[in-house]
C-alpha atoms as a PDB file:
ATOM      1  CA  MET A   1      -0.051  -0.014  -0.293  1.00  0.00           C
ATOM      2  CA  ARG A   2       1.554   3.557  -0.798  1.00  0.00           C
ATOM      3  CA  GLY A   3       1.547   6.675   1.679  1.00  0.00           C
ATOM      4  CA  GLN A   4      -1.788   8.081  -0.061  1.00  0.00           C
ATOM      5  CA  ASP A   5      -4.040   4.715   0.271  1.00  0.00           C
ATOM      6  CA  GLU A   6      -2.340   4.171   3.204  1.00  0.00           C
ATOM      7  CA  LEU A   7      -3.520   7.246   5.060  1.00  0.00           C
ATOM      8  CA  SER A   8      -6.827   7.662   3.147  1.00  0.00           C
ATOM      9  CA  PHE A   9      -7.136   3.623   5.225  1.00  0.00           C
ATOM     10  CA  GLU A  10      -6.115   4.956   8.496  1.00  0.00           C
ATOM     11  CA  GLU A  11      -8.485   7.695   8.625  1.00  0.00           C
ATOM     12  CA  TYR A  12     -11.678   5.797   7.775  1.00  0.00           C
ATOM     13  CA  ALA A  13     -10.015   3.321  11.018  1.00  0.00           C
ATOM     14  CA  THR A  14      -9.918   5.975  12.687  1.00  0.00           C
ATOM     15  CA  ALA A  15     -12.984   7.407  12.057  1.00  0.00           C
ATOM     16  CA  ARG A  16     -15.329   3.862  12.039  1.00  0.00           C
ATOM     17  CA  THR A  17     -13.315   1.528  14.933  1.00  0.00           C
ATOM     18  CA  ARG A  18     -15.769   2.922  17.480  1.00  0.00           C
ATOM     19  CA  ARG A  19     -19.131   1.830  15.913  1.00  0.00           C
ATOM     20  CA  LEU A  20     -17.647  -1.462  14.548  1.00  0.00           C
ATOM     21  CA  TYR A  21     -16.409  -2.392  18.190  1.00  0.00           C
ATOM     22  CA  ARG A  22     -20.559  -1.139  19.323  1.00  0.00           C
ATOM     23  CA  THR A  23     -21.893  -3.586  16.550  1.00  0.00           C
ATOM     24  CA  ALA A  24     -19.281  -6.705  17.287  1.00  0.00           C
ATOM     25  CA  TYR A  25     -20.243  -6.264  21.694  1.00  0.00           C
ATOM     26  CA  LEU A  26     -23.980  -7.005  20.774  1.00  0.00           C
ATOM     27  CA  LEU A  27     -23.041  -9.292  18.370  1.00  0.00           C
ATOM     28  CA  CYS A  28     -20.738 -11.775  21.128  1.00  0.00           C
ATOM     29  CA  GLY A  29     -21.827  -9.682  23.761  1.00  0.00           C
ATOM     30  CA  ASP A  30     -17.822 -10.164  24.773  1.00  0.00           C
ATOM     31  CA  PRO A  31     -15.874  -6.369  24.714  1.00  0.00           C
ATOM     32  CA  HIS A  32     -12.316  -8.521  24.690  1.00  0.00           C
ATOM     33  CA  ARG A  33     -13.711 -10.693  21.990  1.00  0.00           C
ATOM     34  CA  ALA A  34     -15.506  -7.291  20.069  1.00  0.00           C
ATOM     35  CA  GLU A  35     -11.990  -5.574  19.926  1.00  0.00           C
ATOM     36  CA  ASP A  36     -10.737  -9.098  17.872  1.00  0.00           C
ATOM     37  CA  LEU A  37     -13.763  -8.588  15.260  1.00  0.00           C
ATOM     38  CA  ALA A  38     -13.348  -5.143  15.682  1.00  0.00           C
ATOM     39  CA  GLN A  39      -9.486  -6.147  15.071  1.00  0.00           C
ATOM     40  CA  ALA A  40     -10.063  -8.369  11.928  1.00  0.00           C
ATOM     41  CA  THR A  41     -12.183  -6.290   9.834  1.00  0.00           C
ATOM     42  CA  LEU A  42     -10.184  -3.747  10.168  1.00  0.00           C
ATOM     43  CA  ALA A  43      -7.839  -6.378   8.722  1.00  0.00           C
ATOM     44  CA  LYS A  44      -9.311  -7.468   6.235  1.00  0.00           C
ATOM     45  CA  LEU A  45      -9.959  -4.561   4.720  1.00  0.00           C
ATOM     46  CA  PHE A  46      -6.689  -3.210   4.876  1.00  0.00           C
ATOM     47  CA  ALA A  47      -5.831  -6.582   2.759  1.00  0.00           C
ATOM     48  CA  HIS A  48      -8.323  -5.119   0.179  1.00  0.00           C
ATOM     49  CA  TRP A  49      -7.672  -1.046   1.148  1.00  0.00           C
ATOM     50  CA  ARG A  50      -7.316  -0.518  -2.766  1.00  0.00           C
ATOM     51  CA  ARG A  51     -10.836  -2.840  -3.604  1.00  0.00           C
ATOM     52  CA  ALA A  52     -12.372  -1.781  -0.186  1.00  0.00           C
ATOM     53  CA  SER A  53     -11.943   1.983  -1.062  1.00  0.00           C
ATOM     54  CA  ARG A  54     -14.315   1.863  -3.941  1.00  0.00           C
ATOM     55  CA  MET A  55     -16.773   0.845  -2.661  1.00  0.00           C
ATOM     56  CA  GLU A  56     -19.952   2.940  -3.070  1.00  0.00           C
ATOM     57  CA  ASN A  57     -21.221   1.913  -0.298  1.00  0.00           C
ATOM     58  CA  LEU A  58     -17.658   0.934   2.672  1.00  0.00           C
ATOM     59  CA  ASP A  59     -19.941   1.246   5.673  1.00  0.00           C
ATOM     60  CA  ALA A  60     -21.822  -1.417   4.181  1.00  0.00           C
ATOM     61  CA  TYR A  61     -19.054  -3.328   3.116  1.00  0.00           C
ATOM     62  CA  ALA A  62     -17.317  -2.909   6.367  1.00  0.00           C
ATOM     63  CA  ARG A  63     -20.694  -4.518   8.309  1.00  0.00           C
ATOM     64  CA  THR A  64     -20.592  -7.207   6.477  1.00  0.00           C
ATOM     65  CA  VAL A  65     -17.232  -8.258   7.100  1.00  0.00           C
ATOM     66  CA  LEU A  66     -17.571  -7.973  10.960  1.00  0.00           C
ATOM     67  CA  THR A  67     -21.420 -10.015  10.155  1.00  0.00           C
ATOM     68  CA  ARG A  68     -19.551 -12.797   8.749  1.00  0.00           C
ATOM     69  CA  THR A  69     -16.685 -12.954  10.583  1.00  0.00           C
ATOM     70  CA  PHE A  70     -18.640 -12.998  13.449  1.00  0.00           C
ATOM     71  CA  LEU A  71     -20.446 -15.898  11.794  1.00  0.00           C
ATOM     72  CA  ALA A  72     -17.491 -17.573  10.824  1.00  0.00           C
ATOM     73  CA  GLU A  73     -15.357 -17.780  13.587  1.00  0.00           C
ATOM     74  CA  GLN A  74     -19.349 -18.942  15.799  1.00  0.00           C
ATOM     75  CA  ARG A  75     -19.067 -21.989  14.126  1.00  0.00           C
ATOM     76  CA  LYS A  76     -15.434 -22.141  14.773  1.00  0.00           C
ATOM     77  CA  TRP A  77     -15.859 -21.923  18.827  1.00  0.00           C
ATOM     78  CA  SER A  78     -17.141 -23.969  21.545  1.00  0.00           C
ATOM     79  CA  LEU A  79     -20.404 -23.290  23.662  1.00  0.00           C
ATOM     80  CA  ALA A  80     -18.280 -22.010  26.392  1.00  0.00           C
ATOM     81  CA  ARG A  81     -16.530 -19.406  24.388  1.00  0.00           C
ATOM     82  CA  ARG A  82     -19.776 -18.656  22.439  1.00  0.00           C
ATOM     83  CA  LEU A  83     -21.272 -17.346  25.280  1.00  0.00           C
ATOM     84  CA  GLY A  84     -17.949 -15.248  26.563  1.00  0.00           C
ATOM     85  CA  SER A  85     -18.670 -11.808  29.356  1.00  0.00           C
ATOM     86  CA  LEU A  86     -21.322 -10.301  29.845  1.00  0.00           C
ATOM     87  CA  VAL A  87     -20.017  -7.868  31.307  1.00  0.00           C
ATOM     88  CA  GLY A  88     -20.448  -4.769  29.264  1.00  0.00           C
ATOM     89  CA  SER A  89     -16.767  -2.088  28.777  1.00  0.00           C
ATOM     90  CA  PRO A  90     -16.131   0.490  31.462  1.00  0.00           C
ATOM     91  CA  GLU A  91     -16.637   2.640  28.554  1.00  0.00           C
ATOM     92  CA  GLU A  92     -20.277   2.073  27.910  1.00  0.00           C
ATOM     93  CA  SER A  93     -20.421   1.325  31.914  1.00  0.00           C
ATOM     94  CA  ARG A  94     -20.519   4.863  31.518  1.00  0.00           C
ATOM     95  CA  HIS A  95     -23.399   5.363  29.665  1.00  0.00           C
ATOM     96  CA  GLY A  96     -26.972   3.832  29.568  1.00  0.00           C
ATOM     97  CA  ASP A  97     -28.795   1.433  32.059  1.00  0.00           C
ATOM     98  CA  ALA A  98     -26.075  -1.726  33.249  1.00  0.00           C
ATOM     99  CA  ASP A  99     -29.040  -3.622  34.028  1.00  0.00           C
ATOM    100  CA  LEU A 100     -30.863  -3.191  31.146  1.00  0.00           C
ATOM    101  CA  ARG A 101     -27.740  -4.193  28.946  1.00  0.00           C
ATOM    102  CA  VAL A 102     -26.724  -6.699  31.077  1.00  0.00           C
ATOM    103  CA  THR A 103     -29.688  -8.499  30.590  1.00  0.00           C
ATOM    104  CA  LEU A 104     -30.970  -8.371  26.600  1.00  0.00           C
ATOM    105  CA  LEU A 105     -27.185  -9.423  26.404  1.00  0.00           C
ATOM    106  CA  THR A 106     -28.250 -12.772  28.286  1.00  0.00           C
ATOM    107  CA  ALA A 107     -31.011 -12.226  26.024  1.00  0.00           C
ATOM    108  CA  LEU A 108     -28.872 -11.978  22.432  1.00  0.00           C
ATOM    109  CA  ALA A 109     -26.171 -14.574  23.776  1.00  0.00           C
ATOM    110  CA  GLN A 110     -29.770 -17.447  23.594  1.00  0.00           C
ATOM    111  CA  LEU A 111     -30.223 -16.999  20.550  1.00  0.00           C
ATOM    112  CA  PRO A 112     -28.775 -18.715  17.869  1.00  0.00           C
ATOM    113  CA  SER A 113     -25.427 -16.603  16.216  1.00  0.00           C
ATOM    114  CA  ARG A 114     -27.367 -16.694  13.011  1.00  0.00           C
ATOM    115  CA  ALA A 115     -30.217 -14.882  15.049  1.00  0.00           C
ATOM    116  CA  ARG A 116     -28.192 -12.425  16.933  1.00  0.00           C
ATOM    117  CA  ALA A 117     -26.508 -11.089  13.758  1.00  0.00           C
ATOM    118  CA  MET A 118     -30.296 -10.621  12.300  1.00  0.00           C
ATOM    119  CA  VAL A 119     -31.875  -8.968  14.943  1.00  0.00           C
ATOM    120  CA  VAL A 120     -28.191  -6.405  15.314  1.00  0.00           C
ATOM    121  CA  LEU A 121     -27.576  -5.956  12.468  1.00  0.00           C
ATOM    122  CA  ARG A 122     -31.714  -5.298  11.482  1.00  0.00           C
ATOM    123  CA  TYR A 123     -32.422  -3.078  15.216  1.00  0.00           C
ATOM    124  CA  TRP A 124     -29.690  -2.427  16.371  1.00  0.00           C
ATOM    125  CA  GLU A 125     -27.992  -0.789  13.117  1.00  0.00           C
ATOM    126  CA  ASP A 126     -31.386  -0.413  11.404  1.00  0.00           C
ATOM    127  CA  LEU A 127     -30.573  -2.348   8.553  1.00  0.00           C
ATOM    128  CA  SER A 128     -33.556  -2.603   6.001  1.00  0.00           C
ATOM    129  CA  VAL A 129     -34.698  -5.875   5.751  1.00  0.00           C
ATOM    130  CA  GLU A 130     -33.117  -6.403   1.730  1.00  0.00           C
ATOM    131  CA  THR A 131     -30.481  -5.264   3.086  1.00  0.00           C
ATOM    132  CA  VAL A 132     -29.178  -7.615   6.243  1.00  0.00           C
ATOM    133  CA  ALA A 133     -30.840 -10.361   3.989  1.00  0.00           C
ATOM    134  CA  GLU A 134     -27.973  -8.905   1.350  1.00  0.00           C
ATOM    135  CA  LEU A 135     -25.380  -8.726   4.275  1.00  0.00           C
ATOM    136  CA  LEU A 136     -26.160 -12.136   5.234  1.00  0.00           C
ATOM    137  CA  GLY A 137     -26.648 -14.031   2.039  1.00  0.00           C
ATOM    138  CA  CYS A 138     -30.385 -14.799   1.960  1.00  0.00           C
ATOM    139  CA  SER A 139     -33.683 -14.268   1.434  1.00  0.00           C
ATOM    140  CA  THR A 140     -35.827 -11.493   2.988  1.00  0.00           C
ATOM    141  CA  GLY A 141     -38.333 -14.228   4.141  1.00  0.00           C
ATOM    142  CA  THR A 142     -35.270 -15.455   5.799  1.00  0.00           C
ATOM    143  CA  VAL A 143     -34.871 -12.060   7.567  1.00  0.00           C
ATOM    144  CA  LYS A 144     -38.397 -11.674   8.640  1.00  0.00           C
ATOM    145  CA  SER A 145     -39.236 -14.907   9.773  1.00  0.00           C
ATOM    146  CA  GLN A 146     -35.915 -15.160  11.474  1.00  0.00           C
ATOM    147  CA  CYS A 147     -36.763 -11.895  12.903  1.00  0.00           C
ATOM    148  CA  SER A 148     -40.101 -12.421  13.840  1.00  0.00           C
ATOM    149  CA  ARG A 149     -38.816 -16.067  15.591  1.00  0.00           C
ATOM    150  CA  ALA A 150     -35.787 -14.435  18.168  1.00  0.00           C
ATOM    151  CA  LEU A 151     -38.091 -10.935  18.581  1.00  0.00           C
ATOM    152  CA  ALA A 152     -41.120 -13.523  20.158  1.00  0.00           C
ATOM    153  CA  ARG A 153     -37.598 -15.764  21.545  1.00  0.00           C
ATOM    154  CA  LEU A 154     -36.395 -12.801  23.350  1.00  0.00           C
ATOM    155  CA  ARG A 155     -40.012 -11.638  25.145  1.00  0.00           C
ATOM    156  CA  GLU A 156     -40.371 -14.709  26.037  1.00  0.00           C
ATOM    157  CA  GLN A 157     -37.325 -15.002  27.781  1.00  0.00           C
ATOM    158  CA  LEU A 158     -37.452 -11.160  28.600  1.00  0.00           C
ATOM    159  CA  GLY A 159     -41.307 -11.745  30.176  1.00  0.00           C
ATOM    160  CA  GLU A 160     -44.067 -10.142  28.731  1.00  0.00           C
ATOM    161  CA  SER A 161     -43.671  -8.316  31.959  1.00  0.00           C
ATOM    162  CA  SER A 162     -40.546  -7.008  31.784  1.00  0.00           C
ATOM    163  CA  PRO A 163     -39.593  -3.677  31.574  1.00  0.00           C
ATOM    164  CA  TYR A 164     -37.173  -4.816  29.164  1.00  0.00           C
ATOM    165  CA  ALA A 165     -39.278  -7.187  26.923  1.00  0.00           C
ATOM    166  CA  PRO A 166     -38.627  -5.517  23.126  1.00  0.00           C
ATOM    167  CA  VAL A 167     -42.376  -4.324  21.859  1.00  0.00           C
END
């Protein structure tokens, strides 16, 4: 990579690392693993920066890389590693309700990895059904049905009377 490309990548990485980390954290529920996922995503982007930097929507491409890295890793890890730590990062503990964070992360951790990815992308990242389907390489019907089932499961786990139950 040459000087201008390196500067371009550094600017992008500096501006987007925090957002990649937050999304990775919601996917895996472990702050250390989220850092690893965000770094792996940036490493993959760096390796193909010339092509990636010409993408029409680089953020969407980065989310695709992150999500696919997470899903590939999920297939390799044991159940104990998948569940990981549910404690938030020090940065996040200064913001938001800690009980809510732990409750939601615990509930998310109970979902299968692909369903969890769909819920995070659809409702946290606020992506359209079509975009999530494209990112995960499935049909829009699959996204709709899996999200519906995942939300029903979250409601069941959290209980309808829970203040944290999804609407």
